[in-house]
Structure formats: C-alpha cells, structure tokens
Amino acid sequence: MNILVTGCNGQLGSEIRLLEENYGQHTFFNTDRDELDITNQAAVDDFVKSNAIDGIINCAAYTAVDKAETDKQLCTALNTEAPAYLAAAVDARGGWMVHVSTDYVFNGTKHTPYVETDTPCPDSVYGSTKLAGELAVGKFCKRVMIIRTAWLYSPFGGNFVKTMLRLGKEKSELGVIFDQIGTPTYARDLAVAIMTAIDKGVKPGIYHFSNEGVCSWYDFTKAIHRIAGITSCRVKPLHTAEYPTPAKRPAYSVLDKTKIKETYGLDIPYWEESLVECIKLLADKE
C-alpha cells in the first residue's frame, strides 16, 4: 500500500517513521508542512491522486492548547478543515484513514473511565476543533479509524516529560497539579497500536488508547524524577485553581481501552514501564 503520514516530524509521526522499516511491504510518504500543506484542499487532492495513496495516518494537529483559545482560525484549519480534506481525498480512492484525536473532547466531569460511546462535551477551543475534526472525517471517509489519546510524550519534540526533566535539574522546588487525573501515553506505544491496526486491517469506528493505569500530573512528575534519579527538586502538589490557564483542562480524562485491545489483540504496557523506556532513551541521547 501507499501510505501518507502527515505531521511526520511530531512526537507520534517520528515514532511511526521509526517503525516503517518493519513494514517494507508498504511505501510511506512522510510529510510535514514543508512537503504538504494539509490546509490547502487542492494540494491535498493532488498529492493523494498523484501518489496513488491507499491510506492516511493523520498525526498532524494544532496542539498548543492554551494558545488555541486566541488562535481559533489556525486551530480550526489544522484540527477540523485539514482532516476533512484528507478524509475526502482518500475516500475518493476507496482508501482508509487513521485519525488521531484527544481526551479533550470530554469535559472531565465523569469519575469512571470514558468509553467511546460517551457523549463528547469539549470545554476548550482545542477540544471543540478536535471534536469537529472527528465528525468531519467520519462524514467524508467511510473507512476511518479515530483514535483518541491523552498526555502524549516521547523522546521527540516538546512534551511534559522533557519539561519536568529540565525543570527538575534547574529548580529546587516545583509545584504540579494533583487534581487532574488521566493516563500518560508513550507515543511509541500508540505508534505500535496504529501499525498493528493497519497490518490487521483498519476497522472503522472510534477507539481509545493510552497506556494502562491512572495518575495525576503530580504523580507523573514524581515518577519522572524518581526514574531519572533527580533528588534535588522538591515537588509539591497544586490545586488546579492555583495554576490558572487560558484553556480549561479535563479534571478526569481516563480512557477505557477495552475496545481497541479486544479488536486488535493489543497488550498495552503500564504507564510507568513505558516511562522508564523513554527516559532511558533520553539519557542515552545525552
């Protein structure tokens, strides 16, 4: 198959690229904004047709959650309009699409893990544009797999893990939110799940994916520092109200992964196990 990967230089796209060598039967077209402007419908149509694309892995997104509150136009272009163009273009060829979405489509008022059939109710511009993107790809592509994920990190790009490692070395004290609960997702584990789904055949629908287990941002930070051997920084818990942000965060966004595990036979690692792997890779890079 000819597979288009958008956002190939981001956290998830970079992990997808590392796995591509294991799938030599396919030809991958790795693109970022310099190779393909996905907000340009004519450019998308032309690229998909001229390269005979059979499937798309859409890793591209506007993910600056707070900035999105005042940058709605670009956020909408990347998270809603561009996925629609990609979906329509690949559907015209009878192809499939894997589209990555977010836990932010929920407002976080539940107290049990979110399942795919729960009614979305976003509380931010980012969440609203991602939900609109889900609806758009579902409308324009018959063979679309939507994967909602959360708290993504990797050795690539900027993310919470790398920030906490840096701040832990720079500061003697750090305050971190303890009353927002979710599950970290190692981008490599998500990439493996996506490639497994493609290998076994994309089954349309909405799926949830994160690592196993549950924690707060405070717990996550404590684990990051413990694993990295950072002992000089005291981490203290903060209430959300003590750290106001332009965009509202879900207080509880744990995702139930039963559907994707049963559909594709996935064995998803516990979040701390994957965190150990990522931090070791980052240490080796240094």
C-alpha atoms as a PDB file:
ATOM      1  CA  MET A   1       0.000   0.000   0.000  1.00  0.00           C
ATOM      2  CA  ASN A   2       0.968   3.629  -0.472  1.00  0.00           C
ATOM      3  CA  ILE A   3       0.537   5.300   2.918  1.00  0.00           C
ATOM      4  CA  LEU A   4       0.605   9.059   3.581  1.00  0.00           C
ATOM      5  CA  VAL A   5       1.847  10.076   7.045  1.00  0.00           C
ATOM      6  CA  THR A   6       1.097  13.700   7.978  1.00  0.00           C
ATOM      7  CA  GLY A   7       2.871  15.509  10.821  1.00  0.00           C
ATOM      8  CA  CYS A   8       5.842  13.172  10.343  1.00  0.00           C
ATOM      9  CA  ASN A   9       8.213  15.325  12.431  1.00  0.00           C
ATOM     10  CA  GLY A  10       5.980  15.475  15.512  1.00  0.00           C
ATOM     11  CA  GLN A  11       6.039  13.141  18.502  1.00  0.00           C
ATOM     12  CA  LEU A  12       3.796  10.458  17.004  1.00  0.00           C
ATOM     13  CA  GLY A  13       4.914  10.937  13.412  1.00  0.00           C
ATOM     14  CA  SER A  14       8.551  10.463  14.437  1.00  0.00           C
ATOM     15  CA  GLU A  15       7.692   7.175  16.172  1.00  0.00           C
ATOM     16  CA  ILE A  16       5.713   5.996  13.122  1.00  0.00           C
ATOM     17  CA  ARG A  17       8.760   6.670  10.954  1.00  0.00           C
ATOM     18  CA  LEU A  18      10.956   4.513  13.214  1.00  0.00           C
ATOM     19  CA  LEU A  19       8.541   1.602  12.769  1.00  0.00           C
ATOM     20  CA  GLU A  20       8.236   1.905   8.988  1.00  0.00           C
ATOM     21  CA  GLU A  21      11.316  -0.224   8.320  1.00  0.00           C
ATOM     22  CA  ASN A  22       9.406  -3.179   9.798  1.00  0.00           C
ATOM     23  CA  TYR A  23       6.716  -2.745   7.136  1.00  0.00           C
ATOM     24  CA  GLY A  24       8.725  -2.941   3.922  1.00  0.00           C
ATOM     25  CA  GLN A  25       5.690  -4.180   2.001  1.00  0.00           C
ATOM     26  CA  HIS A  26       4.289  -0.622   2.113  1.00  0.00           C
ATOM     27  CA  THR A  27       5.568   2.649   0.650  1.00  0.00           C
ATOM     28  CA  PHE A  28       5.368   5.551   3.116  1.00  0.00           C
ATOM     29  CA  PHE A  29       5.075   9.194   2.125  1.00  0.00           C
ATOM     30  CA  ASN A  30       6.235  11.105   5.204  1.00  0.00           C
ATOM     31  CA  THR A  31       5.141  14.726   5.109  1.00  0.00           C
ATOM     32  CA  ASP A  32       5.147  17.794   7.296  1.00  0.00           C
ATOM     33  CA  ARG A  33       4.109  21.354   6.420  1.00  0.00           C
ATOM     34  CA  ASP A  34       7.097  21.824   4.062  1.00  0.00           C
ATOM     35  CA  GLU A  35       6.166  18.791   1.953  1.00  0.00           C
ATOM     36  CA  LEU A  36       2.367  19.145   2.037  1.00  0.00           C
ATOM     37  CA  ASP A  37       0.111  21.940   3.250  1.00  0.00           C
ATOM     38  CA  ILE A  38      -2.844  19.924   4.515  1.00  0.00           C
ATOM     39  CA  THR A  39      -4.894  23.117   4.965  1.00  0.00           C
ATOM     40  CA  ASN A  40      -4.866  23.516   1.159  1.00  0.00           C
ATOM     41  CA  GLN A  41      -7.591  21.252  -0.264  1.00  0.00           C
ATOM     42  CA  ALA A  42      -6.270  21.376  -3.844  1.00  0.00           C
ATOM     43  CA  ALA A  43      -2.759  20.427  -2.663  1.00  0.00           C
ATOM     44  CA  VAL A  44      -4.153  17.511  -0.646  1.00  0.00           C
ATOM     45  CA  ASP A  45      -6.264  16.240  -3.565  1.00  0.00           C
ATOM     46  CA  ASP A  46      -3.319  16.477  -5.946  1.00  0.00           C
ATOM     47  CA  PHE A  47      -0.894  14.723  -3.569  1.00  0.00           C
ATOM     48  CA  VAL A  48      -3.275  11.841  -2.828  1.00  0.00           C
ATOM     49  CA  LYS A  49      -4.100  11.318  -6.522  1.00  0.00           C
ATOM     50  CA  SER A  50      -0.591  11.708  -7.958  1.00  0.00           C
ATOM     51  CA  ASN A  51       0.940   9.345  -5.386  1.00  0.00           C
ATOM     52  CA  ALA A  52      -1.941   6.828  -5.558  1.00  0.00           C
ATOM     53  CA  ILE A  53      -2.389   6.970  -1.767  1.00  0.00           C
ATOM     54  CA  ASP A  54      -4.261   3.978  -0.307  1.00  0.00           C
ATOM     55  CA  GLY A  55      -4.300   5.091   3.319  1.00  0.00           C
ATOM     56  CA  ILE A  56      -3.536   8.073   5.536  1.00  0.00           C
ATOM     57  CA  ILE A  57      -2.164   8.234   9.087  1.00  0.00           C
ATOM     58  CA  ASN A  58      -3.021  11.757  10.226  1.00  0.00           C
ATOM     59  CA  CYS A  59      -0.612  12.717  13.014  1.00  0.00           C
ATOM     60  CA  ALA A  60      -0.792  16.446  12.218  1.00  0.00           C
ATOM     61  CA  ALA A  61      -2.646  18.735  14.631  1.00  0.00           C
ATOM     62  CA  TYR A  62      -2.647  22.095  16.360  1.00  0.00           C
ATOM     63  CA  THR A  63      -1.799  21.078  19.932  1.00  0.00           C
ATOM     64  CA  ALA A  64      -0.921  24.365  21.696  1.00  0.00           C
ATOM     65  CA  VAL A  65      -3.956  24.071  23.970  1.00  0.00           C
ATOM     66  CA  ASP A  66      -3.738  27.475  25.681  1.00  0.00           C
ATOM     67  CA  LYS A  67      -2.692  29.376  22.552  1.00  0.00           C
ATOM     68  CA  ALA A  68      -5.680  27.892  20.726  1.00  0.00           C
ATOM     69  CA  GLU A  69      -8.044  29.999  22.838  1.00  0.00           C
ATOM     70  CA  THR A  70      -6.907  33.100  20.907  1.00  0.00           C
ATOM     71  CA  ASP A  71      -5.724  31.405  17.692  1.00  0.00           C
ATOM     72  CA  LYS A  72      -9.003  29.772  16.739  1.00  0.00           C
ATOM     73  CA  GLN A  73      -8.640  30.277  12.980  1.00  0.00           C
ATOM     74  CA  LEU A  74      -5.390  28.321  12.603  1.00  0.00           C
ATOM     75  CA  CYS A  75      -6.509  25.746  15.184  1.00  0.00           C
ATOM     76  CA  THR A  76      -9.704  25.148  13.187  1.00  0.00           C
ATOM     77  CA  ALA A  77      -7.787  24.951   9.905  1.00  0.00           C
ATOM     78  CA  LEU A  78      -5.444  22.240  11.228  1.00  0.00           C
ATOM     79  CA  ASN A  79      -7.789  20.285  13.510  1.00  0.00           C
ATOM     80  CA  THR A  80     -11.092  20.459  11.603  1.00  0.00           C
ATOM     81  CA  GLU A  81     -10.713  21.540   7.976  1.00  0.00           C
ATOM     82  CA  ALA A  82      -7.472  19.722   7.084  1.00  0.00           C
ATOM     83  CA  PRO A  83      -8.690  16.315   8.365  1.00  0.00           C
ATOM     84  CA  ALA A  84     -11.841  16.779   6.249  1.00  0.00           C
ATOM     85  CA  TYR A  85      -9.724  17.404   3.121  1.00  0.00           C
ATOM     86  CA  LEU A  86      -7.580  14.337   3.836  1.00  0.00           C
ATOM     87  CA  ALA A  87     -10.622  12.160   4.501  1.00  0.00           C
ATOM     88  CA  ALA A  88     -12.422  13.209   1.315  1.00  0.00           C
ATOM     89  CA  ALA A  89      -9.315  12.761  -0.828  1.00  0.00           C
ATOM     90  CA  VAL A  90      -8.528   9.235   0.361  1.00  0.00           C
ATOM     91  CA  ASP A  91     -12.188   8.196   0.314  1.00  0.00           C
ATOM     92  CA  ALA A  92     -12.351   9.158  -3.377  1.00  0.00           C
ATOM     93  CA  ARG A  93      -9.736   6.445  -3.942  1.00  0.00           C
ATOM     94  CA  GLY A  94     -11.599   3.906  -1.806  1.00  0.00           C
ATOM     95  CA  GLY A  95      -8.889   4.177   0.839  1.00  0.00           C
ATOM     96  CA  TRP A  96      -8.756   4.293   4.632  1.00  0.00           C
ATOM     97  CA  MET A  97      -7.674   6.808   7.260  1.00  0.00           C
ATOM     98  CA  VAL A  98      -6.358   6.644  10.816  1.00  0.00           C
ATOM     99  CA  HIS A  99      -7.087   9.951  12.535  1.00  0.00           C
ATOM    100  CA  VAL A 100      -5.658  10.806  15.968  1.00  0.00           C
ATOM    101  CA  SER A 101      -7.906  12.719  18.362  1.00  0.00           C
ATOM    102  CA  THR A 102      -7.859  13.618  22.051  1.00  0.00           C
ATOM    103  CA  ASP A 103      -9.304  13.198  25.548  1.00  0.00           C
ATOM    104  CA  TYR A 104     -10.125  16.936  25.373  1.00  0.00           C
ATOM    105  CA  VAL A 105     -13.343  16.099  23.505  1.00  0.00           C
ATOM    106  CA  PHE A 106     -14.643  15.376  27.045  1.00  0.00           C
ATOM    107  CA  ASN A 107     -15.028  17.954  29.829  1.00  0.00           C
ATOM    108  CA  GLY A 108     -13.709  15.586  32.518  1.00  0.00           C
ATOM    109  CA  THR A 109     -16.708  15.583  34.865  1.00  0.00           C
ATOM    110  CA  LYS A 110     -17.033  11.775  34.863  1.00  0.00           C
ATOM    111  CA  HIS A 111     -15.466   9.660  37.597  1.00  0.00           C
ATOM    112  CA  THR A 112     -15.148   6.390  35.666  1.00  0.00           C
ATOM    113  CA  PRO A 113     -13.086   5.817  32.509  1.00  0.00           C
ATOM    114  CA  TYR A 114     -14.537   7.303  29.327  1.00  0.00           C
ATOM    115  CA  VAL A 115     -15.787   4.818  26.735  1.00  0.00           C
ATOM    116  CA  GLU A 116     -16.149   5.521  23.025  1.00  0.00           C
ATOM    117  CA  THR A 117     -19.942   5.858  23.250  1.00  0.00           C
ATOM    118  CA  ASP A 118     -19.848   8.604  25.907  1.00  0.00           C
ATOM    119  CA  THR A 119     -21.227  11.900  24.607  1.00  0.00           C
ATOM    120  CA  PRO A 120     -18.416  14.366  23.869  1.00  0.00           C
ATOM    121  CA  CYS A 121     -18.625  17.757  25.583  1.00  0.00           C
ATOM    122  CA  PRO A 122     -15.425  19.772  24.985  1.00  0.00           C
ATOM    123  CA  ASP A 123     -14.593  22.721  27.243  1.00  0.00           C
ATOM    124  CA  SER A 124     -11.893  24.408  25.135  1.00  0.00           C
ATOM    125  CA  VAL A 125     -11.233  25.666  21.618  1.00  0.00           C
ATOM    126  CA  TYR A 126      -8.710  22.859  21.150  1.00  0.00           C
ATOM    127  CA  GLY A 127     -11.204  20.208  22.266  1.00  0.00           C
ATOM    128  CA  SER A 128     -14.001  21.699  20.153  1.00  0.00           C
ATOM    129  CA  THR A 129     -11.892  21.796  16.982  1.00  0.00           C
ATOM    130  CA  LYS A 130     -10.705  18.220  17.551  1.00  0.00           C
ATOM    131  CA  LEU A 131     -14.292  17.024  18.021  1.00  0.00           C
ATOM    132  CA  ALA A 132     -15.322  18.848  14.830  1.00  0.00           C
ATOM    133  CA  GLY A 133     -12.408  17.075  13.130  1.00  0.00           C
ATOM    134  CA  GLU A 134     -13.721  13.703  14.280  1.00  0.00           C
ATOM    135  CA  LEU A 135     -17.158  14.494  12.876  1.00  0.00           C
ATOM    136  CA  ALA A 136     -15.629  15.719   9.606  1.00  0.00           C
ATOM    137  CA  VAL A 137     -13.504  12.638   8.932  1.00  0.00           C
ATOM    138  CA  GLY A 138     -16.464  10.426   9.818  1.00  0.00           C
ATOM    139  CA  LYS A 139     -18.584  12.326   7.316  1.00  0.00           C
ATOM    140  CA  PHE A 140     -16.114  12.272   4.422  1.00  0.00           C
ATOM    141  CA  CYS A 141     -14.415   8.874   4.754  1.00  0.00           C
ATOM    142  CA  LYS A 142     -16.231   5.550   5.074  1.00  0.00           C
ATOM    143  CA  ARG A 143     -13.143   3.645   6.281  1.00  0.00           C
ATOM    144  CA  VAL A 144     -11.899   5.877   9.088  1.00  0.00           C
ATOM    145  CA  MET A 145     -10.463   4.798  12.438  1.00  0.00           C
ATOM    146  CA  ILE A 146     -10.472   7.600  15.022  1.00  0.00           C
ATOM    147  CA  ILE A 147      -8.093   7.063  17.950  1.00  0.00           C
ATOM    148  CA  ARG A 148      -8.461   9.329  20.976  1.00  0.00           C
ATOM    149  CA  THR A 149      -5.358   9.540  23.124  1.00  0.00           C
ATOM    150  CA  ALA A 150      -4.092  11.596  26.075  1.00  0.00           C
ATOM    151  CA  TRP A 151      -0.985  13.014  27.776  1.00  0.00           C
ATOM    152  CA  LEU A 152       1.311  12.150  24.870  1.00  0.00           C
ATOM    153  CA  TYR A 153       5.099  12.168  25.346  1.00  0.00           C
ATOM    154  CA  SER A 154       8.183  10.801  23.574  1.00  0.00           C
ATOM    155  CA  PRO A 155      11.910  11.478  23.104  1.00  0.00           C
ATOM    156  CA  PHE A 156      10.908  13.805  20.224  1.00  0.00           C
ATOM    157  CA  GLY A 157       9.618  17.381  20.288  1.00  0.00           C
ATOM    158  CA  GLY A 158       8.434  19.252  23.346  1.00  0.00           C
ATOM    159  CA  ASN A 159       6.368  17.470  25.988  1.00  0.00           C
ATOM    160  CA  PHE A 160       5.655  17.209  29.712  1.00  0.00           C
ATOM    161  CA  VAL A 161       8.300  14.563  30.422  1.00  0.00           C
ATOM    162  CA  LYS A 162      11.120  16.580  28.862  1.00  0.00           C
ATOM    163  CA  THR A 163       9.927  19.764  30.580  1.00  0.00           C
ATOM    164  CA  MET A 164       9.813  18.097  34.019  1.00  0.00           C
ATOM    165  CA  LEU A 165      13.279  16.590  33.499  1.00  0.00           C
ATOM    166  CA  ARG A 166      14.660  20.044  32.642  1.00  0.00           C
ATOM    167  CA  LEU A 167      12.881  21.854  35.489  1.00  0.00           C
ATOM    168  CA  GLY A 168      13.854  19.129  37.953  1.00  0.00           C
ATOM    169  CA  LYS A 169      17.509  19.832  37.214  1.00  0.00           C
ATOM    170  CA  GLU A 170      17.093  23.623  37.210  1.00  0.00           C
ATOM    171  CA  LYS A 171      14.846  24.205  40.228  1.00  0.00           C
ATOM    172  CA  SER A 172      14.920  23.299  43.917  1.00  0.00           C
ATOM    173  CA  GLU A 173      11.109  23.316  44.137  1.00  0.00           C
ATOM    174  CA  LEU A 174       8.301  22.706  41.658  1.00  0.00           C
ATOM    175  CA  GLY A 175       4.534  22.904  42.015  1.00  0.00           C
ATOM    176  CA  VAL A 176       2.473  20.456  39.917  1.00  0.00           C
ATOM    177  CA  ILE A 177      -1.295  19.892  39.602  1.00  0.00           C
ATOM    178  CA  PHE A 178      -2.554  16.927  41.638  1.00  0.00           C
ATOM    179  CA  ASP A 179      -6.325  17.156  40.982  1.00  0.00           C
ATOM    180  CA  GLN A 180      -6.302  16.411  37.248  1.00  0.00           C
ATOM    181  CA  ILE A 181      -6.349  12.658  36.645  1.00  0.00           C
ATOM    182  CA  GLY A 182      -5.547  10.748  33.474  1.00  0.00           C
ATOM    183  CA  THR A 183      -3.028   8.387  31.915  1.00  0.00           C
ATOM    184  CA  PRO A 184       0.245   9.212  30.152  1.00  0.00           C
ATOM    185  CA  THR A 185       0.708   7.814  26.637  1.00  0.00           C
ATOM    186  CA  TYR A 186       4.128   6.905  25.278  1.00  0.00           C
ATOM    187  CA  ALA A 187       3.963   7.862  21.586  1.00  0.00           C
ATOM    188  CA  ARG A 188       5.866   4.720  20.620  1.00  0.00           C
ATOM    189  CA  ASP A 189       3.154   2.507  22.150  1.00  0.00           C
ATOM    190  CA  LEU A 190       0.491   4.435  20.231  1.00  0.00           C
ATOM    191  CA  ALA A 191       2.530   4.107  17.014  1.00  0.00           C
ATOM    192  CA  VAL A 192       2.758   0.334  17.545  1.00  0.00           C
ATOM    193  CA  ALA A 193      -1.017   0.176  18.047  1.00  0.00           C
ATOM    194  CA  ILE A 194      -1.635   2.143  14.828  1.00  0.00           C
ATOM    195  CA  MET A 195       0.706  -0.046  12.767  1.00  0.00           C
ATOM    196  CA  THR A 196      -0.890  -3.180  14.245  1.00  0.00           C
ATOM    197  CA  ALA A 197      -4.325  -1.900  13.242  1.00  0.00           C
ATOM    198  CA  ILE A 198      -3.136  -1.210   9.686  1.00  0.00           C
ATOM    199  CA  ASP A 199      -1.467  -4.618   9.500  1.00  0.00           C
ATOM    200  CA  LYS A 200      -4.625  -6.408  10.649  1.00  0.00           C
ATOM    201  CA  GLY A 201      -6.944  -4.193   8.608  1.00  0.00           C
ATOM    202  CA  VAL A 202      -8.441  -0.851   9.603  1.00  0.00           C
ATOM    203  CA  LYS A 203     -11.831  -1.379  11.220  1.00  0.00           C
ATOM    204  CA  PRO A 204     -13.834   1.884  11.115  1.00  0.00           C
ATOM    205  CA  GLY A 205     -15.011   3.481  14.350  1.00  0.00           C
ATOM    206  CA  ILE A 206     -13.839   5.413  17.392  1.00  0.00           C
ATOM    207  CA  TYR A 207     -11.234   3.867  19.698  1.00  0.00           C
ATOM    208  CA  HIS A 208      -9.487   4.987  22.892  1.00  0.00           C
ATOM    209  CA  PHE A 209      -5.773   4.469  23.525  1.00  0.00           C
ATOM    210  CA  SER A 210      -3.387   5.412  26.313  1.00  0.00           C
ATOM    211  CA  ASN A 211      -1.039   3.383  28.447  1.00  0.00           C
ATOM    212  CA  GLU A 212      -2.521   1.317  31.288  1.00  0.00           C
ATOM    213  CA  GLY A 213      -3.018   2.731  34.768  1.00  0.00           C
ATOM    214  CA  VAL A 214      -4.018   6.077  36.233  1.00  0.00           C
ATOM    215  CA  CYS A 215      -2.161   9.031  37.786  1.00  0.00           C
ATOM    216  CA  SER A 216      -2.225  12.791  38.352  1.00  0.00           C
ATOM    217  CA  TRP A 217       0.255  15.234  36.830  1.00  0.00           C
ATOM    218  CA  TYR A 218       1.849  15.369  40.302  1.00  0.00           C
ATOM    219  CA  ASP A 219       2.242  11.569  40.415  1.00  0.00           C
ATOM    220  CA  PHE A 220       3.575  11.633  36.846  1.00  0.00           C
ATOM    221  CA  THR A 221       6.213  14.213  37.796  1.00  0.00           C
ATOM    222  CA  LYS A 222       7.262  12.309  40.921  1.00  0.00           C
ATOM    223  CA  ALA A 223       7.744   9.181  38.778  1.00  0.00           C
ATOM    224  CA  ILE A 224       9.726  11.106  36.133  1.00  0.00           C
ATOM    225  CA  HIS A 225      12.118  12.450  38.778  1.00  0.00           C
ATOM    226  CA  ARG A 226      12.431   9.128  40.601  1.00  0.00           C
ATOM    227  CA  ILE A 227      13.229   7.203  37.403  1.00  0.00           C
ATOM    228  CA  ALA A 228      15.700   9.875  36.241  1.00  0.00           C
ATOM    229  CA  GLY A 229      17.407   9.974  39.652  1.00  0.00           C
ATOM    230  CA  ILE A 230      16.561  13.639  40.270  1.00  0.00           C
ATOM    231  CA  THR A 231      16.634  14.209  44.032  1.00  0.00           C
ATOM    232  CA  SER A 232      17.473  17.913  44.326  1.00  0.00           C
ATOM    233  CA  CYS A 233      13.990  19.192  43.419  1.00  0.00           C
ATOM    234  CA  ARG A 234      11.045  19.103  45.838  1.00  0.00           C
ATOM    235  CA  VAL A 235       7.747  18.521  44.015  1.00  0.00           C
ATOM    236  CA  LYS A 236       4.716  19.912  45.799  1.00  0.00           C
ATOM    237  CA  PRO A 237       1.057  19.320  44.852  1.00  0.00           C
ATOM    238  CA  LEU A 238      -1.040  22.203  43.490  1.00  0.00           C
ATOM    239  CA  HIS A 239      -4.797  22.587  43.066  1.00  0.00           C
ATOM    240  CA  THR A 240      -5.924  23.473  39.537  1.00  0.00           C
ATOM    241  CA  ALA A 241      -7.204  26.790  40.934  1.00  0.00           C
ATOM    242  CA  GLU A 242      -3.643  27.685  41.995  1.00  0.00           C
ATOM    243  CA  TYR A 243      -2.385  27.369  38.423  1.00  0.00           C
ATOM    244  CA  PRO A 244      -4.912  29.103  36.133  1.00  0.00           C
ATOM    245  CA  THR A 245      -4.569  28.563  32.378  1.00  0.00           C
ATOM    246  CA  PRO A 246      -6.402  30.121  29.395  1.00  0.00           C
ATOM    247  CA  ALA A 247      -7.844  26.735  28.381  1.00  0.00           C
ATOM    248  CA  LYS A 248      -9.814  24.588  30.806  1.00  0.00           C
ATOM    249  CA  ARG A 249      -8.384  21.098  31.334  1.00  0.00           C
ATOM    250  CA  PRO A 250     -10.481  17.959  31.958  1.00  0.00           C
ATOM    251  CA  ALA A 251     -10.289  17.100  35.671  1.00  0.00           C
ATOM    252  CA  TYR A 252     -10.695  13.401  34.874  1.00  0.00           C
ATOM    253  CA  SER A 253      -9.881  12.013  31.432  1.00  0.00           C
ATOM    254  CA  VAL A 254      -9.003   8.347  31.933  1.00  0.00           C
ATOM    255  CA  LEU A 255      -9.814   6.443  28.729  1.00  0.00           C
ATOM    256  CA  ASP A 256     -11.249   2.919  28.674  1.00  0.00           C
ATOM    257  CA  LYS A 257      -9.180   0.881  26.192  1.00  0.00           C
ATOM    258  CA  THR A 258     -11.229  -2.330  26.128  1.00  0.00           C
ATOM    259  CA  LYS A 259     -12.441  -1.840  22.536  1.00  0.00           C
ATOM    260  CA  ILE A 260      -9.042  -1.376  20.884  1.00  0.00           C
ATOM    261  CA  LYS A 261      -7.484  -4.180  22.972  1.00  0.00           C
ATOM    262  CA  GLU A 262     -10.192  -6.667  22.019  1.00  0.00           C
ATOM    263  CA  THR A 263     -10.413  -5.587  18.357  1.00  0.00           C
ATOM    264  CA  TYR A 264      -6.680  -5.795  17.650  1.00  0.00           C
ATOM    265  CA  GLY A 265      -5.407  -8.130  20.380  1.00  0.00           C
ATOM    266  CA  LEU A 266      -3.205  -5.437  21.906  1.00  0.00           C
ATOM    267  CA  ASP A 267      -1.222  -5.868  25.103  1.00  0.00           C
ATOM    268  CA  ILE A 268      -0.784  -2.279  26.310  1.00  0.00           C
ATOM    269  CA  PRO A 269       2.121  -1.540  28.703  1.00  0.00           C
ATOM    270  CA  TYR A 270       1.645   0.059  32.129  1.00  0.00           C
ATOM    271  CA  TRP A 271       2.475   3.775  32.011  1.00  0.00           C
ATOM    272  CA  GLU A 272       5.479   3.594  34.350  1.00  0.00           C
ATOM    273  CA  GLU A 273       7.107   0.798  32.330  1.00  0.00           C
ATOM    274  CA  SER A 274       6.938   2.890  29.158  1.00  0.00           C
ATOM    275  CA  LEU A 275       8.149   5.971  31.022  1.00  0.00           C
ATOM    276  CA  VAL A 276      11.273   4.063  32.108  1.00  0.00           C
ATOM    277  CA  GLU A 277      11.938   3.170  28.457  1.00  0.00           C
ATOM    278  CA  CYS A 278      11.542   6.765  27.262  1.00  0.00           C
ATOM    279  CA  ILE A 279      13.730   8.279  29.988  1.00  0.00           C
ATOM    280  CA  LYS A 280      16.458   5.717  29.238  1.00  0.00           C
ATOM    281  CA  LEU A 281      16.366   6.730  25.547  1.00  0.00           C
ATOM    282  CA  LEU A 282      16.625  10.410  26.512  1.00  0.00           C
ATOM    283  CA  ALA A 283      19.571   9.669  28.843  1.00  0.00           C
ATOM    284  CA  ASP A 284      21.325   7.693  26.078  1.00  0.00           C
ATOM    285  CA  LYS A 285      20.895  10.672  23.713  1.00  0.00           C
ATOM    286  CA  GLU A 286      22.681  12.925  26.210  1.00  0.00           C
END
